[in-house]
Each structure stands twice: as C-alpha cells, then as structure tokens.
Amino acid sequence: MTVPEESRLTVTLIARDEEDRLPAALASVAWADEIVVVMDAATTDRTARIAEEAGARVLVRAFDGFGTQKNAAAALATHRWILSIDADEIVSKALALEIRDRLATVAAEKSSPAAFRVPIRLEFLGRELRFGRGTLVRPLRLYDRTRARFSENPIHEKVIADDPVEALDETILHRSYRDLAHYLEKLDRYTTLGAEAKWADGKRGDGFLPVRVLWEFFDRAFLRLGFLDGSAGLTFAALSSANTLLKYLKLRELERAITRGERTLPAGTMIKDTATRAVHALPGAC
C-alpha cells in the first residue's frame, strides 16, 4: 500500500560503536519510509556498514552533543514526520501499527499535534522492568520537524514543540545495558559528567548525602514497588542509589581539586568528551 507523502515517516538514530545492538534497532523500524543514521566520527567498529546494508542514509559527524547530533539527523530527513530512537531501542510491532494509523489520521486533521509522547520501558539484566522509578518514561519522540526540534543540550536533550502534543499507547523497549559490567562503565562515566554539570550550574555537595541515598533506595525498591521485579528490580534500585552517591562524591572531589588549584573548570562549561557519547542518561539519574 502506498503511503501518502504527508503521512510518511523518517526514523533517525545517532550511534557510536553499536555494531552489536544496531541490527535489532534497524530491523524494528524496517517498515519506515526512510532511516537516517548519524554516526560519531570516533566510531571504530562496523556501525556505518551495518546501517548502509540496512538501507539507511549515513552521515559521519564529530560528536558535539546529543541534541545537535539528533538535529543533524533530522536535517537529513526527507519526510515531515520523524521518529527518533537510539541504537539500543526496539520499536514494538504494535507501536509501528499505531504510528502508521495515527499519522494517517493526523494528515486529515485541521489542528494536528506537533509531536507525540512515546512510552519507553527499560530492560535490565534481561528483564523488562514494570515497577520502580525511572523504568518507564514518556518523552516526545515522534514529531513534525517543521514544528518541533531537539534542544541542543550536550546531555538531557529533549524535543521542543511549538504546538500541542499528544501521547501514544504502545511502547519502545530500551535495552540500555549489554550486561552489568556495561552498566557500571556507564555509571562511572555518567556520574563524572553529572558532577561536572552540577558544578557548572553552581550546585555544591549535598550535606545530607547518606540520608538522600538511603531514601533513594527505599523509594525505588519499596514505595515504587521495585521489589516486584525480583532481583533485577532490587539491583536496579540499588545501582540507581549508587548513581546519586557517586555523583555527589565526585562533585565534592571536584570542589576540592578546584579549591586547591589542581583543576580549573570555568563556570557554565559543558563537557563535550566524545567518550560520553554512549552515556545518554542512566535511567534513574537525578
């Protein structure tokens, strides 16, 4: 069946060294009218070849922030509507059908939404988490590029829409971590970046850190029912609490280093180290 131009969809991804996870992501959006992949120039694996073999348009670009990378991908899109996903995400068949149906109806509406929120559920240690905090998010991911765009934040980028938005029901599965070692690697990188960002924003160490960390675990594991996801849920709650602990300890460490003159970080500086390109945001980070 031919899809009308006004309902056609471009899927955009940004990636670096994702040869192991990219094939599944691309396969889940093979139904799209176009796929655009923006690859970090520092990539050393077969990411570009895999994307090209899947029929995607590929742009190699030096990483200068998540928001700018995603906007660069959108600039290459042929079609008006864009679904932005990450290389570690899987679009469900039900969501694919819902998107096709919704875009078909939007084309006939006089006052259509500029973007749609899409539920994204986290998979952790091989289990799709259904409880706890930070295991289900609903960001704007499907958007009309003439009326919406990504903010150009180096991290924590988000879609900014000029007109009202609506929500979809079906989900994307986020396979953020290859294994526990991968989580810990991302935890180390992201807490460093988070500490530097807090310092640049004028925030300082938390004097009630032990209480904050304990509350973080109690809230995630019990008040938000994380324990109902079994060992995976409890482990995620514990590691999310560790995220808070490490971030503020690193902030204190950074403060001491700057006070001693061992390190200088100008106020307002955002770290743009390409080593952080895979650390989109640890779910549960605060």
Foldseek 3Di string as FASTA:
>chain_A
DDDDQQLAEEEEEEDAQLVPQQVQALVLCLVHPAYEYEYALPHDDCVVVSCVVSVHHYHYDHFQADQVSQQVRVVPDPGQKYFYDYSQKHFDPVNVVVSSVVSVVQVVDPAHAFFEWAKEAEAFQNRTFDWFALRIDTATGIGGVVFWGWDRHRAPIGIDGNGHYYYDDDHMYGHLAPHPVRVVVLLVVVLLQLLLVCVLVVHAADPCLVVQLVVQLCCGVPVRVLCVRPPRSSVLSNVLSVSSVSSRVSNHVVVVCVVVVVDDDDRPDHDRDCVNVSSRDDRNHD
